[in-house]
């Protein structure tokens, strides 16, 4: 029998597994409930999210909500949407951006979180780390090829949706791959609308 979401939230908030590696200390940032039928798996919190404790509380979150055409009220409603990064805490700075998500986090927590969610959920995989973990069968494809294959797939009920991470670099991705806005975003929005019954 799976854990209840409230107890699991409490356990996650108390986690210090990676504390010695975290420059700002542990502050796990995650959102989910037993009824979250959309699961968004990203990378790891940045400094702004670490400070606020609110997932996707930054420019990347604004861009993601624009892609989804969803407002903050729906986005931050755990009854509908689970926000579960590959690493729950800010991992620190690296040259040109942030460090990768801590490798200890997802193996420790993801299965337990996913076990609390509905089985008929829609999963959005944002960026290379999430796609490597959950779409390992497509590892030989570039991210662009992986996303385009999904966008052009005739399978109506795909439950795994690969997307670029919506950081500022995604503007470069969209400029280079114009099909993303023309083909991928309408299909993404249709899939999200169907789950939220909008």
Protein backbone atom coordinates (compact mmCIF):
# COMPACT_ATOMS: atom_id res chain seq x y z
CA UNK A 1 0.00 0.00 0.00
CA UNK A 2 1.39 3.41 -0.94
CA UNK A 3 2.06 6.16 1.59
CA UNK A 4 -0.39 8.99 1.91
CA UNK A 5 0.73 12.25 0.34
CA UNK A 6 0.69 14.28 3.56
CA UNK A 7 3.03 11.88 5.38
CA UNK A 8 5.33 11.71 2.37
CA UNK A 9 5.46 15.51 2.14
CA UNK A 10 6.50 15.63 5.79
CA UNK A 11 9.26 13.08 5.20
CA UNK A 12 10.54 14.93 2.14
CA UNK A 13 10.59 18.30 3.92
CA UNK A 14 12.77 16.75 6.64
CA UNK A 15 15.24 15.22 4.18
CA UNK A 16 18.93 16.04 4.69
CA UNK A 17 20.34 13.32 2.43
CA UNK A 18 22.45 15.73 0.33
CA UNK A 19 23.00 18.42 2.97
CA UNK A 20 26.80 18.33 2.82
CA UNK A 21 26.70 19.03 -0.93
CA UNK A 22 24.15 21.88 -0.89
CA UNK A 23 25.68 25.38 -0.67
CA UNK A 24 22.46 26.92 0.68
CA UNK A 25 21.46 23.90 2.73
CA UNK A 26 18.48 21.60 2.20
CA UNK A 27 15.09 23.06 1.35
CA UNK A 28 13.12 20.48 -0.64
CA UNK A 29 10.59 22.07 -2.99
CA UNK A 30 7.86 19.78 -4.30
CA UNK A 31 4.07 19.71 -4.81
CA UNK A 32 1.76 16.70 -5.23
CA UNK A 33 -1.40 15.01 -3.97
CA UNK A 34 -3.23 11.74 -4.49
CA UNK A 35 -5.36 13.39 -7.19
CA UNK A 36 -2.62 15.14 -9.25
CA UNK A 37 -3.27 13.87 -12.79
CA UNK A 38 -0.61 16.05 -14.40
CA UNK A 39 2.96 15.40 -13.28
CA UNK A 40 5.66 17.91 -14.25
CA UNK A 41 9.22 16.69 -13.75
CA UNK A 42 11.85 19.37 -14.12
CA UNK A 43 15.45 19.78 -13.08
CA UNK A 44 16.08 21.36 -9.65
CA UNK A 45 15.14 24.61 -7.93
CA UNK A 46 17.16 27.74 -8.65
CA UNK A 47 18.10 30.34 -6.05
CA UNK A 48 14.82 32.25 -6.35
CA UNK A 49 12.77 29.10 -5.81
CA UNK A 50 15.04 28.06 -2.94
CA UNK A 51 14.38 31.41 -1.31
CA UNK A 52 10.59 31.42 -1.77
CA UNK A 53 9.99 27.69 -1.37
CA UNK A 54 7.51 27.89 -4.28
CA UNK A 55 8.22 25.62 -7.27
CA UNK A 56 8.69 27.33 -10.64
CA UNK A 57 8.54 30.75 -8.96
CA UNK A 58 10.81 32.35 -11.56
CA UNK A 59 11.08 33.27 -15.25
CA UNK A 60 11.19 29.59 -16.21
CA UNK A 61 7.88 29.06 -14.45
CA UNK A 62 6.34 32.02 -16.25
CA UNK A 63 7.47 30.56 -19.58
CA UNK A 64 6.18 27.09 -18.66
CA UNK A 65 2.77 28.45 -17.70
CA UNK A 66 2.69 30.34 -21.00
CA UNK A 67 3.46 27.13 -22.87
CA UNK A 68 0.66 25.34 -21.01
CA UNK A 69 -1.70 28.32 -21.18
CA UNK A 70 -2.49 27.79 -17.53
CA UNK A 71 -2.84 30.34 -14.74
CA UNK A 72 -1.12 30.24 -11.36
CA UNK A 73 -4.28 29.15 -9.56
CA UNK A 74 -4.45 25.92 -11.56
CA UNK A 75 -0.67 25.46 -11.71
CA UNK A 76 -0.28 25.64 -7.93
CA UNK A 77 -3.30 23.44 -7.21
CA UNK A 78 -1.82 20.11 -6.03
CA UNK A 79 -5.22 18.48 -6.49
CA UNK A 80 -4.54 18.85 -10.23
CA UNK A 81 -0.80 19.24 -10.79
CA UNK A 82 2.26 17.61 -9.22
CA UNK A 83 5.57 19.49 -9.47
CA UNK A 84 8.37 17.01 -8.84
CA UNK A 85 11.92 17.96 -9.92
CA UNK A 86 14.73 15.47 -10.39
CA UNK A 87 16.43 17.11 -7.43
CA UNK A 88 14.28 18.73 -4.75
CA UNK A 89 16.93 21.19 -3.47
CA UNK A 90 19.05 23.91 -5.05
CA UNK A 91 22.29 22.14 -6.09
CA UNK A 92 24.60 25.15 -6.40
CA UNK A 93 26.21 27.13 -9.19
CA UNK A 94 28.26 25.78 -12.09
CA UNK A 95 29.92 27.50 -15.00
CA UNK A 96 27.17 28.82 -17.24
CA UNK A 97 24.29 27.87 -14.94
CA UNK A 98 23.39 25.64 -12.02
CA UNK A 99 24.83 22.28 -11.02
CA UNK A 100 22.92 19.17 -12.14
CA UNK A 101 20.27 17.83 -9.75
CA UNK A 102 21.84 15.86 -6.92
CA UNK A 103 21.92 12.19 -8.02
CA UNK A 104 20.76 10.89 -4.64
CA UNK A 105 17.37 12.60 -4.70
CA UNK A 106 15.30 10.91 -7.42
CA UNK A 107 16.27 7.32 -6.43
CA UNK A 108 15.32 8.10 -2.83
CA UNK A 109 11.98 9.80 -3.44
CA UNK A 110 10.55 9.55 -6.96
CA UNK A 111 9.06 6.06 -6.80
CA UNK A 112 7.44 6.88 -3.48
CA UNK A 113 5.92 10.10 -4.83
CA UNK A 114 4.78 8.49 -8.08
CA UNK A 115 3.12 5.68 -6.12
CA UNK A 116 0.81 8.25 -4.52
CA UNK A 117 -0.33 9.70 -7.86
CA UNK A 118 -3.17 8.47 -10.10
CA UNK A 119 -2.08 5.80 -12.58
CA UNK A 120 -3.76 7.60 -15.49
CA UNK A 121 -1.62 10.72 -15.13
CA UNK A 122 -0.04 12.79 -17.88
CA UNK A 123 3.71 13.31 -17.36
CA UNK A 124 5.65 16.27 -18.76
CA UNK A 125 9.43 15.71 -18.85
CA UNK A 126 11.24 19.05 -18.93
CA UNK A 127 14.87 18.90 -19.97
CA UNK A 128 17.57 16.30 -20.42
CA UNK A 129 17.73 14.98 -16.85
CA UNK A 130 14.04 14.08 -16.66
CA UNK A 131 14.05 12.59 -20.16
CA UNK A 132 17.16 10.51 -19.46
CA UNK A 133 15.49 9.08 -16.37
CA UNK A 134 12.04 8.42 -17.83
CA UNK A 135 12.60 7.99 -21.58
CA UNK A 136 15.83 5.97 -21.56
CA UNK A 137 14.64 4.10 -24.67
CA UNK A 138 15.13 7.33 -26.64
CA UNK A 139 18.66 8.03 -25.37
CA UNK A 140 20.16 7.92 -28.88
CA UNK A 141 17.97 10.81 -30.03
CA UNK A 142 18.78 14.46 -29.59
CA UNK A 143 16.34 16.37 -27.43
CA UNK A 144 14.98 18.12 -30.52
CA UNK A 145 14.42 14.79 -32.29
CA UNK A 146 12.78 13.31 -29.20
CA UNK A 147 10.38 16.24 -28.85
CA UNK A 148 9.62 16.35 -32.57
CA UNK A 149 8.92 12.59 -32.64
CA UNK A 150 6.33 13.10 -29.91
CA UNK A 151 4.86 16.21 -31.57
CA UNK A 152 4.41 14.38 -34.89
CA UNK A 153 3.35 11.03 -33.42
CA UNK A 154 -0.06 9.74 -34.49
CA UNK A 155 -0.61 8.11 -31.11
CA UNK A 156 -3.41 10.16 -29.58
CA UNK A 157 -2.94 9.14 -25.96
CA UNK A 158 0.77 9.53 -25.30
CA UNK A 159 1.23 9.86 -21.53
CA UNK A 160 4.90 10.98 -21.61
CA UNK A 161 5.58 14.39 -23.13
CA UNK A 162 9.20 15.51 -23.60
CA UNK A 163 9.83 19.25 -23.59
CA UNK A 164 12.87 21.51 -23.41
CA UNK A 165 13.51 23.02 -20.02
CA UNK A 166 11.78 26.44 -20.11
CA UNK A 167 14.88 28.35 -18.99
CA UNK A 168 16.01 31.37 -21.04
CA UNK A 169 17.91 29.02 -23.37
CA UNK A 170 14.58 27.63 -24.57
CA UNK A 171 14.17 30.81 -26.61
CA UNK A 172 17.18 29.71 -28.64
CA UNK A 173 15.63 26.24 -29.03
CA UNK A 174 12.36 27.74 -30.23
CA UNK A 175 14.10 30.07 -32.67
CA UNK A 176 16.05 27.17 -34.17
CA UNK A 177 13.12 24.73 -34.19
CA UNK A 178 10.08 26.71 -35.31
CA UNK A 179 7.98 23.53 -35.40
CA UNK A 180 8.01 23.54 -31.57
CA UNK A 181 5.65 26.51 -31.43
CA UNK A 182 3.63 25.39 -34.46
CA UNK A 183 3.24 21.69 -33.65
CA UNK A 184 4.39 20.81 -30.15
CA UNK A 185 2.75 23.57 -28.12
CA UNK A 186 -0.76 23.13 -29.57
CA UNK A 187 -0.56 19.38 -28.94
CA UNK A 188 0.75 19.98 -25.41
CA UNK A 189 -2.06 22.39 -24.62
CA UNK A 190 -4.65 20.00 -25.99
CA UNK A 191 -3.32 17.18 -23.81
CA UNK A 192 -3.31 19.37 -20.70
CA UNK A 193 -6.81 20.69 -21.44
CA UNK A 194 -8.12 17.15 -21.81
CA UNK A 195 -6.81 16.18 -18.37
CA UNK A 196 -8.04 19.34 -16.68
CA UNK A 197 -11.32 19.13 -18.66
CA UNK A 198 -11.09 22.80 -19.57
